[in-house]
Amino acid sequence: MGTSHRSIRCLGAAATLLVSFVSGGCGSTAPTSPSAVPSPSAQYPSVVGNWRDDSSTLVLQARDVVGPPTAWGCPSELVIQQQTGGTLSGLAIIQGGNDKKCTWTFTFTAQIASDGTLTSFVPDNGKKFVTVDCKPVSEPTFSGVASNAAIRITMTDRATCTNFFGQPVDTDRVLTMSVTSRFGLGSN
């Protein structure tokens, strides 16, 4: 009887030890929730590169004159030098031709949403759209959209412009920079 009692005690100790190892290896017995799947990072249009004019315009509407607005073609170029996600920086070159109604060159920073909507556009150093004939009297607002193939940025402000008789005229201005990729679709 001594031997079988000792065998049962050894077997009981071995079972306790085995349960301890198995329980310890299982970790917590508390229920767990599924792991969160990381959301993919936003994809932005790739716009780094050189962009050529595609019918950019300046429209002037005298506020106290009834009649159609005056429009000029304003060949524009953009050079997007850097892009990190939706943050861009670069250079804008707008040529006014002989009339100089829309000549303006400036560096800028901008923000776009993942769908290409322009959410911010800031000419560096607060550079204003000043021309030979027009001086801004309000802060500009910017809107626009960008894709891999085209960029369209519209600036709206109010300015005092000189008319053909040399008189100052309160004027609403809308400058639209419309450009396409210099190197073809999506290969900037």
N, C-alpha and C. Protein backbone atom coordinates (compact mmCIF):
# COMPACT_ATOMS: atom_id res chain seq x y z
N MET A 1 0.78 -1.16 0.00
CA MET A 1 0.00 0.00 0.00
C MET A 1 0.83 1.25 0.00
N GLY A 2 1.97 1.14 0.55
CA GLY A 2 2.86 2.26 0.59
C GLY A 2 3.30 2.68 -0.78
N THR A 3 3.50 1.70 -1.68
CA THR A 3 3.98 2.04 -3.01
C THR A 3 2.88 2.66 -3.84
N SER A 4 1.68 2.13 -3.78
CA SER A 4 0.61 2.69 -4.61
C SER A 4 0.20 4.07 -4.09
N HIS A 5 0.28 4.30 -2.80
CA HIS A 5 -0.07 5.61 -2.26
C HIS A 5 0.97 6.64 -2.72
N ARG A 6 2.25 6.21 -2.74
CA ARG A 6 3.31 7.08 -3.19
C ARG A 6 3.15 7.35 -4.69
N SER A 7 2.73 6.38 -5.47
CA SER A 7 2.53 6.55 -6.91
C SER A 7 1.40 7.54 -7.17
N ILE A 8 0.34 7.48 -6.39
CA ILE A 8 -0.78 8.40 -6.57
C ILE A 8 -0.34 9.81 -6.22
N ARG A 9 0.47 9.96 -5.16
CA ARG A 9 0.96 11.28 -4.80
C ARG A 9 1.86 11.84 -5.88
N CYS A 10 2.71 11.03 -6.45
CA CYS A 10 3.61 11.48 -7.54
C CYS A 10 2.80 11.82 -8.77
N LEU A 11 1.80 11.01 -9.07
CA LEU A 11 0.95 11.27 -10.22
C LEU A 11 0.16 12.56 -10.00
N GLY A 12 -0.34 12.81 -8.80
CA GLY A 12 -1.08 14.04 -8.48
C GLY A 12 -0.17 15.26 -8.60
N ALA A 13 1.08 15.16 -8.14
CA ALA A 13 2.02 16.27 -8.23
C ALA A 13 2.37 16.55 -9.68
N ALA A 14 2.53 15.48 -10.46
CA ALA A 14 2.85 15.65 -11.89
C ALA A 14 1.68 16.31 -12.62
N ALA A 15 0.44 15.93 -12.29
CA ALA A 15 -0.73 16.52 -12.93
C ALA A 15 -0.84 18.00 -12.56
N THR A 16 -0.57 18.36 -11.31
CA THR A 16 -0.61 19.76 -10.88
C THR A 16 0.44 20.56 -11.62
N LEU A 17 1.62 20.01 -11.74
CA LEU A 17 2.71 20.68 -12.44
C LEU A 17 2.36 20.87 -13.92
N LEU A 18 1.77 19.85 -14.55
CA LEU A 18 1.39 19.91 -15.95
C LEU A 18 0.31 20.98 -16.17
N VAL A 19 -0.68 21.05 -15.28
CA VAL A 19 -1.74 22.06 -15.38
C VAL A 19 -1.14 23.45 -15.23
N SER A 20 -0.17 23.63 -14.36
CA SER A 20 0.49 24.93 -14.16
C SER A 20 1.19 25.36 -15.44
N PHE A 21 1.93 24.46 -16.08
CA PHE A 21 2.62 24.79 -17.33
C PHE A 21 1.63 25.13 -18.45
N VAL A 22 0.59 24.34 -18.58
CA VAL A 22 -0.38 24.55 -19.64
C VAL A 22 -1.11 25.87 -19.41
N SER A 23 -1.51 26.16 -18.16
CA SER A 23 -2.21 27.40 -17.86
C SER A 23 -1.31 28.61 -18.09
N GLY A 24 -0.08 28.51 -17.66
CA GLY A 24 0.88 29.61 -17.83
C GLY A 24 1.13 29.89 -19.29
N GLY A 25 1.15 28.88 -20.13
CA GLY A 25 1.41 29.06 -21.56
C GLY A 25 0.23 29.64 -22.29
N CYS A 26 -0.96 29.55 -21.71
CA CYS A 26 -2.16 30.04 -22.39
C CYS A 26 -2.34 31.53 -22.24
N GLY A 27 -1.73 32.14 -21.30
CA GLY A 27 -1.90 33.58 -21.11
C GLY A 27 -3.19 33.88 -20.38
N SER A 28 -3.71 35.07 -20.58
CA SER A 28 -4.91 35.52 -19.89
C SER A 28 -6.12 34.72 -20.35
N THR A 29 -7.01 34.50 -19.40
CA THR A 29 -8.26 33.80 -19.74
C THR A 29 -9.37 34.80 -20.00
N ALA A 30 -9.08 36.12 -19.88
CA ALA A 30 -10.09 37.15 -20.14
C ALA A 30 -10.34 37.24 -21.65
N PRO A 31 -11.59 37.48 -22.05
CA PRO A 31 -11.87 37.59 -23.49
C PRO A 31 -11.19 38.82 -24.08
N THR A 32 -10.78 38.72 -25.34
CA THR A 32 -10.13 39.85 -26.02
C THR A 32 -10.94 40.23 -27.24
N SER A 33 -10.82 41.51 -27.63
CA SER A 33 -11.51 41.96 -28.83
C SER A 33 -10.56 41.83 -30.02
N PRO A 34 -11.09 41.79 -31.21
CA PRO A 34 -10.22 41.67 -32.38
C PRO A 34 -9.31 42.89 -32.50
N SER A 35 -8.14 42.70 -33.06
CA SER A 35 -7.20 43.80 -33.26
C SER A 35 -7.74 44.72 -34.34
N ALA A 36 -7.53 46.03 -34.13
CA ALA A 36 -7.97 47.01 -35.13
C ALA A 36 -7.09 46.89 -36.37
N VAL A 37 -7.72 46.97 -37.51
CA VAL A 37 -6.97 46.94 -38.76
C VAL A 37 -6.57 48.38 -39.07
N PRO A 38 -5.28 48.65 -39.27
CA PRO A 38 -4.87 50.03 -39.54
C PRO A 38 -5.49 50.51 -40.85
N SER A 39 -5.99 51.75 -40.83
CA SER A 39 -6.57 52.28 -42.06
C SER A 39 -5.45 52.68 -43.01
N PRO A 40 -5.67 52.50 -44.30
CA PRO A 40 -4.62 52.87 -45.25
C PRO A 40 -4.43 54.39 -45.25
N SER A 41 -3.20 54.83 -45.46
CA SER A 41 -2.96 56.27 -45.49
C SER A 41 -3.59 56.86 -46.75
N ALA A 42 -3.97 58.12 -46.64
CA ALA A 42 -4.64 58.79 -47.76
C ALA A 42 -3.71 58.85 -48.97
N GLN A 43 -4.29 58.69 -50.14
CA GLN A 43 -3.55 58.79 -51.40
C GLN A 43 -3.87 60.14 -52.03
N TYR A 44 -2.86 60.91 -52.34
CA TYR A 44 -3.03 62.23 -52.93
C TYR A 44 -2.59 62.20 -54.40
N PRO A 45 -3.18 63.06 -55.23
CA PRO A 45 -2.68 63.15 -56.60
C PRO A 45 -1.20 63.53 -56.58
N SER A 46 -0.42 62.94 -57.45
CA SER A 46 1.00 63.26 -57.56
C SER A 46 1.15 64.44 -58.52
N VAL A 47 1.59 65.59 -58.00
CA VAL A 47 1.63 66.79 -58.82
C VAL A 47 3.01 67.43 -58.95
N VAL A 48 4.06 66.79 -58.46
CA VAL A 48 5.40 67.34 -58.59
C VAL A 48 5.77 67.40 -60.06
N GLY A 49 6.29 68.53 -60.50
CA GLY A 49 6.74 68.66 -61.88
C GLY A 49 6.36 69.99 -62.48
N ASN A 50 6.50 70.07 -63.80
CA ASN A 50 6.24 71.29 -64.56
C ASN A 50 4.87 71.21 -65.23
N TRP A 51 4.12 72.29 -65.12
CA TRP A 51 2.75 72.36 -65.64
C TRP A 51 2.64 73.53 -66.59
N ARG A 52 2.07 73.31 -67.78
CA ARG A 52 1.95 74.34 -68.81
C ARG A 52 0.52 74.87 -68.91
N ASP A 53 0.41 76.05 -69.50
CA ASP A 53 -0.86 76.74 -69.59
C ASP A 53 -1.91 75.94 -70.35
N ASP A 54 -3.15 76.06 -69.88
CA ASP A 54 -4.31 75.47 -70.56
C ASP A 54 -5.47 76.46 -70.43
N SER A 55 -5.34 77.61 -71.10
CA SER A 55 -6.40 78.64 -71.16
C SER A 55 -6.64 79.37 -69.83
N SER A 56 -5.57 79.83 -69.19
CA SER A 56 -5.71 80.64 -67.98
C SER A 56 -6.26 82.02 -68.34
N THR A 57 -7.05 82.60 -67.43
CA THR A 57 -7.70 83.89 -67.72
C THR A 57 -7.72 84.81 -66.51
N LEU A 58 -7.88 86.10 -66.81
CA LEU A 58 -8.17 87.11 -65.80
C LEU A 58 -9.45 87.80 -66.26
N VAL A 59 -10.45 87.86 -65.36
CA VAL A 59 -11.72 88.52 -65.66
C VAL A 59 -11.86 89.69 -64.70
N LEU A 60 -12.11 90.89 -65.26
CA LEU A 60 -12.31 92.10 -64.46
C LEU A 60 -13.74 92.57 -64.65
N GLN A 61 -14.42 92.84 -63.52
CA GLN A 61 -15.78 93.36 -63.58
C GLN A 61 -15.84 94.62 -62.73
N ALA A 62 -16.01 95.77 -63.40
CA ALA A 62 -16.16 97.03 -62.67
C ALA A 62 -17.44 96.96 -61.85
N ARG A 63 -17.36 97.31 -60.58
CA ARG A 63 -18.51 97.15 -59.69
C ARG A 63 -19.61 98.19 -59.94
N ASP A 64 -19.26 99.35 -60.45
CA ASP A 64 -20.26 100.39 -60.64
C ASP A 64 -20.64 100.59 -62.12
N VAL A 65 -20.28 99.64 -62.96
CA VAL A 65 -20.57 99.73 -64.39
C VAL A 65 -21.43 98.54 -64.79
N VAL A 66 -22.53 98.82 -65.48
CA VAL A 66 -23.38 97.75 -65.99
C VAL A 66 -22.79 97.31 -67.33
N GLY A 67 -22.70 96.03 -67.51
CA GLY A 67 -22.16 95.52 -68.76
C GLY A 67 -21.32 94.30 -68.53
N PRO A 68 -20.86 93.72 -69.62
CA PRO A 68 -20.08 92.48 -69.49
C PRO A 68 -18.70 92.75 -68.91
N PRO A 69 -18.13 91.74 -68.28
CA PRO A 69 -16.77 91.89 -67.76
C PRO A 69 -15.75 91.91 -68.91
N THR A 70 -14.55 92.33 -68.58
CA THR A 70 -13.44 92.31 -69.52
C THR A 70 -12.57 91.11 -69.17
N ALA A 71 -12.15 90.35 -70.19
CA ALA A 71 -11.34 89.15 -69.94
C ALA A 71 -10.05 89.20 -70.75
N TRP A 72 -9.00 88.69 -70.17
CA TRP A 72 -7.70 88.58 -70.83
C TRP A 72 -7.19 87.15 -70.68
N GLY A 73 -6.47 86.70 -71.68
CA GLY A 73 -5.74 85.45 -71.55
C GLY A 73 -4.48 85.72 -70.73
N CYS A 74 -4.17 84.85 -69.81
CA CYS A 74 -3.01 85.02 -68.94
C CYS A 74 -2.22 83.72 -68.89
N PRO A 75 -1.38 83.47 -69.89
CA PRO A 75 -0.62 82.21 -69.90
C PRO A 75 0.09 81.98 -68.56
N SER A 76 -0.15 80.81 -67.99
CA SER A 76 0.36 80.48 -66.66
C SER A 76 1.17 79.21 -66.69
N GLU A 77 2.13 79.14 -65.81
CA GLU A 77 2.91 77.92 -65.59
C GLU A 77 3.04 77.71 -64.09
N LEU A 78 3.01 76.47 -63.69
CA LEU A 78 3.31 76.11 -62.30
C LEU A 78 4.48 75.14 -62.30
N VAL A 79 5.36 75.30 -61.33
CA VAL A 79 6.43 74.35 -61.10
C VAL A 79 6.26 73.88 -59.66
N ILE A 80 5.75 72.66 -59.50
CA ILE A 80 5.57 72.09 -58.16
C ILE A 80 6.89 71.42 -57.81
N GLN A 81 7.60 72.01 -56.85
CA GLN A 81 8.95 71.55 -56.51
C GLN A 81 8.96 70.45 -55.45
N GLN A 82 8.00 70.50 -54.53
CA GLN A 82 7.97 69.51 -53.46
C GLN A 82 6.54 69.12 -53.15
N GLN A 83 6.36 67.85 -52.76
CA GLN A 83 5.06 67.38 -52.29
C GLN A 83 5.30 66.33 -51.23
N THR A 84 4.67 66.52 -50.08
CA THR A 84 4.66 65.53 -49.01
C THR A 84 3.20 65.33 -48.64
N GLY A 85 2.64 64.20 -49.05
CA GLY A 85 1.21 63.98 -48.83
C GLY A 85 0.42 65.04 -49.56
N GLY A 86 -0.38 65.81 -48.82
CA GLY A 86 -1.19 66.86 -49.42
C GLY A 86 -0.57 68.24 -49.34
N THR A 87 0.69 68.34 -48.90
CA THR A 87 1.37 69.64 -48.79
C THR A 87 2.28 69.85 -49.99
N LEU A 88 2.10 70.99 -50.68
CA LEU A 88 2.85 71.30 -51.89
C LEU A 88 3.60 72.62 -51.73
N SER A 89 4.65 72.79 -52.49
CA SER A 89 5.28 74.10 -52.62
C SER A 89 5.85 74.22 -54.01
N GLY A 90 5.91 75.46 -54.48
CA GLY A 90 6.41 75.64 -55.83
C GLY A 90 6.42 77.09 -56.26
N LEU A 91 6.42 77.28 -57.59
CA LEU A 91 6.54 78.57 -58.23
C LEU A 91 5.41 78.74 -59.24
N ALA A 92 4.80 79.93 -59.25
CA ALA A 92 3.77 80.26 -60.25
C ALA A 92 4.30 81.41 -61.11
N ILE A 93 4.14 81.25 -62.42
CA ILE A 93 4.56 82.29 -63.37
C ILE A 93 3.36 82.59 -64.24
N ILE A 94 2.88 83.84 -64.16
CA ILE A 94 1.71 84.25 -64.93
C ILE A 94 2.15 85.41 -65.83
N GLN A 95 1.99 85.23 -67.12
CA GLN A 95 2.43 86.23 -68.09
C GLN A 95 1.25 87.05 -68.56
N GLY A 96 1.39 88.36 -68.57
CA GLY A 96 0.30 89.22 -68.98
C GLY A 96 0.36 89.68 -70.42
N GLY A 97 1.39 89.32 -71.15
CA GLY A 97 1.50 89.80 -72.52
C GLY A 97 1.81 91.28 -72.54
N ASN A 98 1.48 91.95 -73.64
CA ASN A 98 1.77 93.38 -73.78
C ASN A 98 0.94 94.25 -72.85
N ASP A 99 -0.26 93.79 -72.47
CA ASP A 99 -1.12 94.63 -71.63
C ASP A 99 -0.74 94.60 -70.16
N LYS A 100 0.01 93.62 -69.73
CA LYS A 100 0.49 93.49 -68.34
C LYS A 100 -0.63 93.44 -67.31
N LYS A 101 -1.83 93.04 -67.71
CA LYS A 101 -2.96 92.99 -66.78
C LYS A 101 -2.81 91.88 -65.74
N CYS A 102 -2.04 90.86 -66.06
CA CYS A 102 -1.97 89.74 -65.12
C CYS A 102 -0.57 89.19 -64.91
N THR A 103 0.46 89.97 -65.14
CA THR A 103 1.82 89.51 -64.89
C THR A 103 2.05 89.39 -63.38
N TRP A 104 2.44 88.20 -62.95
CA TRP A 104 2.65 87.94 -61.53
C TRP A 104 3.49 86.69 -61.40
N THR A 105 4.58 86.75 -60.65
CA THR A 105 5.43 85.59 -60.39
C THR A 105 5.64 85.51 -58.88
N PHE A 106 5.45 84.31 -58.32
CA PHE A 106 5.57 84.16 -56.87
C PHE A 106 5.79 82.69 -56.52
N THR A 107 6.35 82.46 -55.34
CA THR A 107 6.43 81.11 -54.78
C THR A 107 5.22 80.94 -53.87
N PHE A 108 4.86 79.70 -53.60
CA PHE A 108 3.66 79.44 -52.82
C PHE A 108 3.78 78.13 -52.05
N THR A 109 2.90 77.98 -51.08
CA THR A 109 2.65 76.71 -50.41
C THR A 109 1.15 76.44 -50.53
N ALA A 110 0.79 75.18 -50.57
CA ALA A 110 -0.62 74.83 -50.74
C ALA A 110 -0.91 73.51 -50.05
N GLN A 111 -2.18 73.26 -49.81
CA GLN A 111 -2.66 72.00 -49.25
C GLN A 111 -3.77 71.48 -50.16
N ILE A 112 -3.74 70.19 -50.44
CA ILE A 112 -4.83 69.56 -51.16
C ILE A 112 -5.35 68.38 -50.34
N ALA A 113 -6.65 68.12 -50.49
CA ALA A 113 -7.25 66.94 -49.87
C ALA A 113 -6.95 65.72 -50.74
N SER A 114 -7.21 64.54 -50.25
CA SER A 114 -6.90 63.33 -51.01
C SER A 114 -7.72 63.25 -52.30
N ASP A 115 -8.86 63.94 -52.38
CA ASP A 115 -9.63 63.95 -53.63
C ASP A 115 -9.15 65.03 -54.59
N GLY A 116 -8.10 65.79 -54.22
CA GLY A 116 -7.52 66.82 -55.08
C GLY A 116 -8.06 68.21 -54.84
N THR A 117 -9.05 68.36 -53.96
CA THR A 117 -9.61 69.69 -53.68
C THR A 117 -8.56 70.56 -52.99
N LEU A 118 -8.38 71.76 -53.50
CA LEU A 118 -7.45 72.70 -52.90
C LEU A 118 -8.06 73.23 -51.60
N THR A 119 -7.37 73.02 -50.48
CA THR A 119 -7.89 73.48 -49.19
C THR A 119 -7.16 74.72 -48.69
N SER A 120 -5.98 75.00 -49.26
CA SER A 120 -5.22 76.18 -48.86
C SER A 120 -4.25 76.51 -49.99
N PHE A 121 -4.09 77.80 -50.27
CA PHE A 121 -3.12 78.26 -51.26
C PHE A 121 -2.61 79.60 -50.75
N VAL A 122 -1.31 79.70 -50.48
CA VAL A 122 -0.76 80.91 -49.88
C VAL A 122 0.49 81.35 -50.65
N PRO A 123 0.40 82.49 -51.36
CA PRO A 123 1.61 83.06 -51.94
C PRO A 123 2.58 83.40 -50.81
N ASP A 124 3.85 83.04 -50.98
CA ASP A 124 4.83 83.27 -49.91
C ASP A 124 5.05 84.76 -49.66
N ASN A 125 5.40 85.07 -48.43
CA ASN A 125 5.66 86.43 -47.98
C ASN A 125 4.45 87.35 -48.18
N GLY A 126 3.26 86.78 -48.21
CA GLY A 126 2.05 87.58 -48.36
C GLY A 126 1.98 88.35 -49.67
N LYS A 127 2.66 87.83 -50.68
CA LYS A 127 2.72 88.53 -51.98
C LYS A 127 1.33 88.73 -52.55
N LYS A 128 1.01 89.97 -52.86
CA LYS A 128 -0.30 90.34 -53.40
C LYS A 128 -0.25 90.39 -54.93
N PHE A 129 -1.40 90.26 -55.54
CA PHE A 129 -1.55 90.32 -56.99
C PHE A 129 -1.65 91.79 -57.39
N VAL A 130 -0.48 92.42 -57.56
CA VAL A 130 -0.39 93.83 -57.94
C VAL A 130 0.08 93.88 -59.39
N THR A 131 -0.62 94.65 -60.22
CA THR A 131 -0.22 94.82 -61.62
C THR A 131 -0.06 96.31 -61.91
N VAL A 132 0.34 96.62 -63.13
CA VAL A 132 0.51 98.01 -63.53
C VAL A 132 -0.78 98.79 -63.33
N ASP A 133 -1.93 98.18 -63.65
CA ASP A 133 -3.21 98.88 -63.61
C ASP A 133 -4.06 98.61 -62.39
N CYS A 134 -3.75 97.59 -61.59
CA CYS A 134 -4.63 97.21 -60.48
C CYS A 134 -3.85 96.98 -59.19
N LYS A 135 -4.44 97.48 -58.10
CA LYS A 135 -3.89 97.28 -56.75
C LYS A 135 -4.99 96.64 -55.90
N PRO A 136 -4.69 95.53 -55.22
CA PRO A 136 -5.72 94.86 -54.42
C PRO A 136 -6.14 95.72 -53.22
N VAL A 137 -7.45 95.63 -52.89
CA VAL A 137 -7.98 96.32 -51.71
C VAL A 137 -8.65 95.32 -50.76
N SER A 138 -8.57 94.03 -51.09
CA SER A 138 -9.11 92.99 -50.20
C SER A 138 -8.14 91.81 -50.19
N GLU A 139 -8.33 90.95 -49.21
CA GLU A 139 -7.55 89.71 -49.18
C GLU A 139 -8.09 88.77 -50.25
N PRO A 140 -7.21 88.05 -50.93
CA PRO A 140 -7.69 87.11 -51.95
C PRO A 140 -8.25 85.84 -51.32
N THR A 141 -9.17 85.21 -52.03
CA THR A 141 -9.60 83.86 -51.67
C THR A 141 -9.19 82.94 -52.81
N PHE A 142 -8.85 81.71 -52.46
CA PHE A 142 -8.41 80.74 -53.45
C PHE A 142 -9.27 79.50 -53.37
N SER A 143 -9.53 78.90 -54.52
CA SER A 143 -10.20 77.60 -54.59
C SER A 143 -9.57 76.86 -55.76
N GLY A 144 -9.84 75.57 -55.84
CA GLY A 144 -9.28 74.84 -56.97
C GLY A 144 -9.31 73.35 -56.77
N VAL A 145 -8.70 72.67 -57.74
CA VAL A 145 -8.64 71.22 -57.74
C VAL A 145 -7.38 70.79 -58.49
N ALA A 146 -6.82 69.67 -58.07
CA ALA A 146 -5.61 69.13 -58.72
C ALA A 146 -5.79 67.64 -58.95
N SER A 147 -5.28 67.19 -60.08
CA SER A 147 -5.23 65.76 -60.38
C SER A 147 -3.85 65.47 -60.95
N ASN A 148 -3.60 64.21 -61.30
CA ASN A 148 -2.33 63.86 -61.93
C ASN A 148 -2.19 64.51 -63.30
N ALA A 149 -3.29 64.94 -63.91
CA ALA A 149 -3.27 65.45 -65.29
C ALA A 149 -3.49 66.95 -65.41
N ALA A 150 -4.15 67.59 -64.44
CA ALA A 150 -4.47 69.01 -64.57
C ALA A 150 -4.61 69.66 -63.19
N ILE A 151 -4.33 70.97 -63.16
CA ILE A 151 -4.51 71.77 -61.94
C ILE A 151 -5.26 73.03 -62.34
N ARG A 152 -6.24 73.40 -61.52
CA ARG A 152 -6.99 74.63 -61.75
C ARG A 152 -7.10 75.35 -60.42
N ILE A 153 -6.57 76.58 -60.37
CA ILE A 153 -6.59 77.39 -59.16
C ILE A 153 -7.24 78.72 -59.51
N THR A 154 -8.25 79.12 -58.73
CA THR A 154 -8.94 80.38 -58.96
C THR A 154 -8.72 81.31 -57.77
N MET A 155 -8.25 82.53 -58.08
CA MET A 155 -8.08 83.56 -57.07
C MET A 155 -9.14 84.64 -57.32
N THR A 156 -9.84 85.03 -56.27
CA THR A 156 -10.84 86.09 -56.36
C THR A 156 -10.48 87.17 -55.36
N ASP A 157 -10.52 88.44 -55.81
CA ASP A 157 -10.30 89.55 -54.89
C ASP A 157 -10.99 90.80 -55.44
N ARG A 158 -10.86 91.88 -54.71
CA ARG A 158 -11.34 93.18 -55.15
C ARG A 158 -10.12 94.09 -55.27
N ALA A 159 -10.10 94.91 -56.32
CA ALA A 159 -8.96 95.79 -56.55
C ALA A 159 -9.44 97.14 -57.04
N THR A 160 -8.56 98.12 -56.92
CA THR A 160 -8.77 99.41 -57.56
C THR A 160 -7.94 99.38 -58.83
N CYS A 161 -8.62 99.45 -59.98
CA CYS A 161 -7.94 99.39 -61.27
C CYS A 161 -8.12 100.73 -61.98
N THR A 162 -7.18 101.05 -62.84
CA THR A 162 -7.26 102.27 -63.62
C THR A 162 -7.93 101.95 -64.95
N ASN A 163 -8.96 102.73 -65.32
CA ASN A 163 -9.64 102.48 -66.59
C ASN A 163 -8.89 103.15 -67.74
N PHE A 164 -9.46 103.09 -68.95
CA PHE A 164 -8.82 103.65 -70.14
C PHE A 164 -8.61 105.16 -70.05
N PHE A 165 -9.37 105.84 -69.19
CA PHE A 165 -9.27 107.29 -69.04
C PHE A 165 -8.37 107.68 -67.86
N GLY A 166 -7.73 106.69 -67.23
CA GLY A 166 -6.84 106.95 -66.10
C GLY A 166 -7.56 107.15 -64.79
N GLN A 167 -8.86 106.81 -64.72
CA GLN A 167 -9.64 106.98 -63.50
C GLN A 167 -9.67 105.68 -62.70
N PRO A 168 -9.64 105.76 -61.36
CA PRO A 168 -9.72 104.54 -60.54
C PRO A 168 -11.12 103.95 -60.57
N VAL A 169 -11.20 102.65 -60.65
CA VAL A 169 -12.47 101.93 -60.71
C VAL A 169 -12.42 100.77 -59.71
N ASP A 170 -13.46 100.67 -58.86
CA ASP A 170 -13.59 99.54 -57.93
C ASP A 170 -13.94 98.30 -58.77
N THR A 171 -13.10 97.26 -58.68
CA THR A 171 -13.20 96.13 -59.61
C THR A 171 -13.12 94.79 -58.88
N ASP A 172 -13.98 93.86 -59.28
CA ASP A 172 -13.86 92.46 -58.84
C ASP A 172 -12.95 91.75 -59.84
N ARG A 173 -11.98 90.99 -59.33
CA ARG A 173 -11.06 90.26 -60.21
C ARG A 173 -11.17 88.77 -59.95
N VAL A 174 -11.12 87.98 -61.02
CA VAL A 174 -11.07 86.52 -60.92
C VAL A 174 -9.95 86.06 -61.84
N LEU A 175 -8.88 85.55 -61.23
CA LEU A 175 -7.74 85.01 -61.97
C LEU A 175 -7.83 83.49 -61.89
N THR A 176 -7.89 82.83 -63.04
CA THR A 176 -7.94 81.37 -63.07
C THR A 176 -6.68 80.84 -63.73
N MET A 177 -5.87 80.13 -62.93
CA MET A 177 -4.68 79.46 -63.45
C MET A 177 -5.09 78.04 -63.80
N SER A 178 -5.08 77.74 -65.07
CA SER A 178 -5.47 76.42 -65.55
C SER A 178 -4.28 75.83 -66.29
N VAL A 179 -3.75 74.73 -65.77
CA VAL A 179 -2.54 74.13 -66.35
C VAL A 179 -2.69 72.62 -66.48
N THR A 180 -1.93 72.06 -67.42
CA THR A 180 -1.86 70.61 -67.60
C THR A 180 -0.41 70.18 -67.50
N SER A 181 -0.23 68.90 -67.29
CA SER A 181 1.12 68.36 -67.16
C SER A 181 1.91 68.62 -68.44
N ARG A 182 3.10 69.13 -68.29
CA ARG A 182 3.97 69.40 -69.44
C ARG A 182 4.39 68.10 -70.14
N PHE A 183 4.38 67.01 -69.41
CA PHE A 183 4.90 65.75 -69.95
C PHE A 183 3.83 64.71 -70.21
N GLY A 184 2.58 65.10 -70.27
CA GLY A 184 1.51 64.13 -70.54
C GLY A 184 0.82 63.70 -69.28
N LEU A 185 -0.22 62.90 -69.42
CA LEU A 185 -1.06 62.48 -68.29
C LEU A 185 -0.28 61.76 -67.21
N GLY A 186 -0.34 62.31 -66.02
CA GLY A 186 0.16 61.63 -64.83
C GLY A 186 1.63 61.30 -64.84
N SER A 187 2.43 61.93 -65.66
CA SER A 187 3.85 61.57 -65.68
C SER A 187 4.72 62.73 -65.24
N ASN A 188 4.22 63.53 -64.31
CA ASN A 188 5.02 64.67 -63.81
C ASN A 188 6.18 64.14 -63.02
